[in-house]
Amino acid sequence: MMKTLTLIALFILCLVAVQPVLAQQDSLSKNTVAATTKTYSESEKITYLIQCIRTMKGATFIRNGSEHSCQEAADHLKAKWEKHASKIKSAEDFITHLASKSSSSGEAYKIRYPDGREEPTAEVLYQALEQLK
């Protein structure tokens, strides 16, 4: 019993001694991340947005009333971007002109989550774009 209490006391002392060091390292790592934040090209941002759609788990992409996998949606958005790349100057252009609605019907694209909630794809992509800033 005494040996167990001694080990617990040593463990607590180690935690108390290490805590300030961990806090300092955490602060340094946050500063390092802030100092090395990358500026992304518009092409990299668009690629990121397409990848966000591609990797959504359990979600369904709705285009012109039809359901598609997120893989299919990402392929579709990539193809639209490749076809119209000369007209798209920014990630915001990509969202507004290519990734938010059907060019044939004008109907908004939507994402349906596993819980049944639906959200316009444009909103999802603008939120993802904010993650890069």
Protein backbone atom coordinates (compact mmCIF):
# COMPACT_ATOMS: atom_id res chain seq x y z
CA MET A 1 0.00 0.00 0.00
CA MET A 2 2.81 2.40 0.93
CA LYS A 3 4.60 1.63 -2.35
CA THR A 4 1.43 2.44 -4.31
CA LEU A 5 0.99 5.76 -2.49
CA THR A 6 4.64 6.63 -3.14
CA LEU A 7 4.23 5.92 -6.85
CA ILE A 8 1.06 8.03 -7.01
CA ALA A 9 2.82 10.87 -5.19
CA LEU A 10 5.75 10.70 -7.65
CA PHE A 11 3.33 10.71 -10.58
CA ILE A 12 1.56 13.80 -9.24
CA LEU A 13 4.90 15.56 -8.64
CA CYS A 14 5.93 14.80 -12.22
CA LEU A 15 2.68 16.20 -13.55
CA VAL A 16 3.08 19.38 -11.49
CA ALA A 17 6.68 19.80 -12.64
CA VAL A 18 5.92 19.12 -16.31
CA GLN A 19 2.76 21.28 -16.59
CA PRO A 20 4.59 24.66 -17.02
CA VAL A 21 6.88 23.11 -19.66
CA LEU A 22 3.90 21.70 -21.59
CA ALA A 23 2.10 25.04 -21.43
CA GLN A 24 5.19 26.81 -22.76
CA GLN A 25 5.58 24.25 -25.58
CA ASP A 26 1.89 24.65 -26.48
CA SER A 27 2.33 28.41 -26.67
CA LEU A 28 5.44 28.06 -28.81
CA SER A 29 3.77 25.62 -31.20
CA LYS A 30 0.79 27.96 -31.65
CA ASN A 31 3.16 30.82 -32.45
CA THR A 32 5.09 28.63 -34.87
CA VAL A 33 1.89 27.61 -36.66
CA ALA A 34 0.77 31.24 -36.87
CA ALA A 35 4.17 32.30 -38.19
CA THR A 36 4.24 29.57 -40.85
CA THR A 37 0.66 29.88 -42.10
CA LYS A 38 0.72 29.24 -45.84
CA THR A 39 -0.90 31.47 -48.38
CA TYR A 40 -2.74 29.26 -50.83
CA SER A 41 -3.11 29.92 -54.54
CA GLU A 42 -6.65 30.09 -55.89
CA SER A 43 -6.06 26.79 -57.68
CA GLU A 44 -5.00 25.15 -54.40
CA LYS A 45 -8.10 26.53 -52.70
CA ILE A 46 -10.38 25.12 -55.41
CA THR A 47 -8.63 21.75 -55.23
CA TYR A 48 -9.15 21.81 -51.46
CA LEU A 49 -12.87 22.57 -51.87
CA ILE A 50 -13.32 19.69 -54.30
CA GLN A 51 -11.46 17.40 -51.92
CA CYS A 52 -13.73 18.52 -49.06
CA ILE A 53 -16.74 17.35 -51.05
CA ARG A 54 -14.97 14.12 -52.10
CA THR A 55 -14.16 13.12 -48.52
CA MET A 56 -17.53 13.83 -46.87
CA LYS A 57 -18.55 10.69 -45.02
CA GLY A 58 -22.13 9.50 -45.31
CA ALA A 59 -23.32 12.61 -47.14
CA THR A 60 -25.31 12.72 -50.38
CA PHE A 61 -24.91 15.34 -53.10
CA ILE A 62 -28.18 16.43 -54.69
CA ARG A 63 -28.04 17.81 -58.22
CA ASN A 64 -31.15 18.44 -60.33
CA GLY A 65 -33.22 16.33 -57.95
CA SER A 66 -30.92 13.30 -58.29
CA GLU A 67 -28.79 11.87 -55.53
CA HIS A 68 -25.08 11.31 -56.10
CA SER A 69 -22.18 10.12 -53.99
CA CYS A 70 -19.73 12.74 -52.84
CA GLN A 71 -17.11 11.08 -55.05
CA GLU A 72 -19.37 11.61 -58.08
CA ALA A 73 -20.06 15.17 -56.97
CA ALA A 74 -16.37 15.95 -56.66
CA ASP A 75 -15.69 14.47 -60.11
CA HIS A 76 -18.54 16.55 -61.55
CA LEU A 77 -17.28 19.77 -59.94
CA LYS A 78 -13.73 19.06 -61.06
CA ALA A 79 -14.91 18.51 -64.64
CA LYS A 80 -16.90 21.77 -64.57
CA TRP A 81 -13.81 23.60 -63.27
CA GLU A 82 -11.58 22.09 -65.95
CA LYS A 83 -14.08 23.07 -68.65
CA HIS A 84 -14.46 26.66 -67.41
CA ALA A 85 -11.05 27.25 -65.81
CA SER A 86 -10.29 30.28 -67.97
CA LYS A 87 -13.35 32.10 -66.55
CA ILE A 88 -12.68 31.22 -62.90
CA LYS A 89 -10.23 33.57 -61.22
CA SER A 90 -10.79 32.68 -57.55
CA ALA A 91 -12.19 30.07 -55.19
CA GLU A 92 -15.14 32.40 -54.63
CA ASP A 93 -15.76 32.43 -58.41
CA PHE A 94 -15.64 28.64 -58.39
CA ILE A 95 -18.27 28.46 -55.66
CA THR A 96 -20.52 31.15 -57.12
CA HIS A 97 -20.39 30.20 -60.79
CA LEU A 98 -19.74 26.45 -60.84
CA ALA A 99 -20.29 24.72 -57.51
CA SER A 100 -23.52 26.22 -56.20
CA LYS A 101 -26.10 25.39 -58.86
CA SER A 102 -26.78 23.53 -62.06
CA SER A 103 -25.91 25.48 -65.18
CA SER A 104 -28.66 23.68 -67.08
CA SER A 105 -31.59 23.98 -64.65
CA GLY A 106 -30.43 26.75 -62.32
CA GLU A 107 -31.39 24.54 -59.36
CA ALA A 108 -29.14 24.88 -56.28
CA TYR A 109 -26.89 21.97 -55.40
CA LYS A 110 -27.40 20.59 -51.89
CA ILE A 111 -25.63 18.32 -49.46
CA ARG A 112 -27.75 15.94 -47.40
CA TYR A 113 -26.05 14.80 -44.21
CA PRO A 114 -26.58 11.37 -42.64
CA ASP A 115 -28.99 12.93 -40.10
CA GLY A 116 -31.24 14.08 -42.99
CA ARG A 117 -30.37 17.77 -42.70
CA GLU A 118 -29.77 19.51 -46.04
CA GLU A 119 -27.58 22.50 -46.71
CA PRO A 120 -26.81 24.38 -49.92
CA THR A 121 -23.47 23.26 -51.30
CA ALA A 122 -22.38 26.89 -51.62
CA GLU A 123 -22.70 27.35 -47.85
CA VAL A 124 -20.72 24.18 -47.18
CA LEU A 125 -17.97 25.33 -49.51
CA TYR A 126 -17.79 28.86 -48.12
CA GLN A 127 -17.42 27.37 -44.64
CA ALA A 128 -14.64 25.09 -45.89
CA LEU A 129 -12.92 28.03 -47.55
CA GLU A 130 -12.92 29.90 -44.23
CA GLN A 131 -10.87 27.03 -42.77
CA LEU A 132 -7.98 28.00 -45.03
CA LYS A 133 -7.82 31.55 -43.69
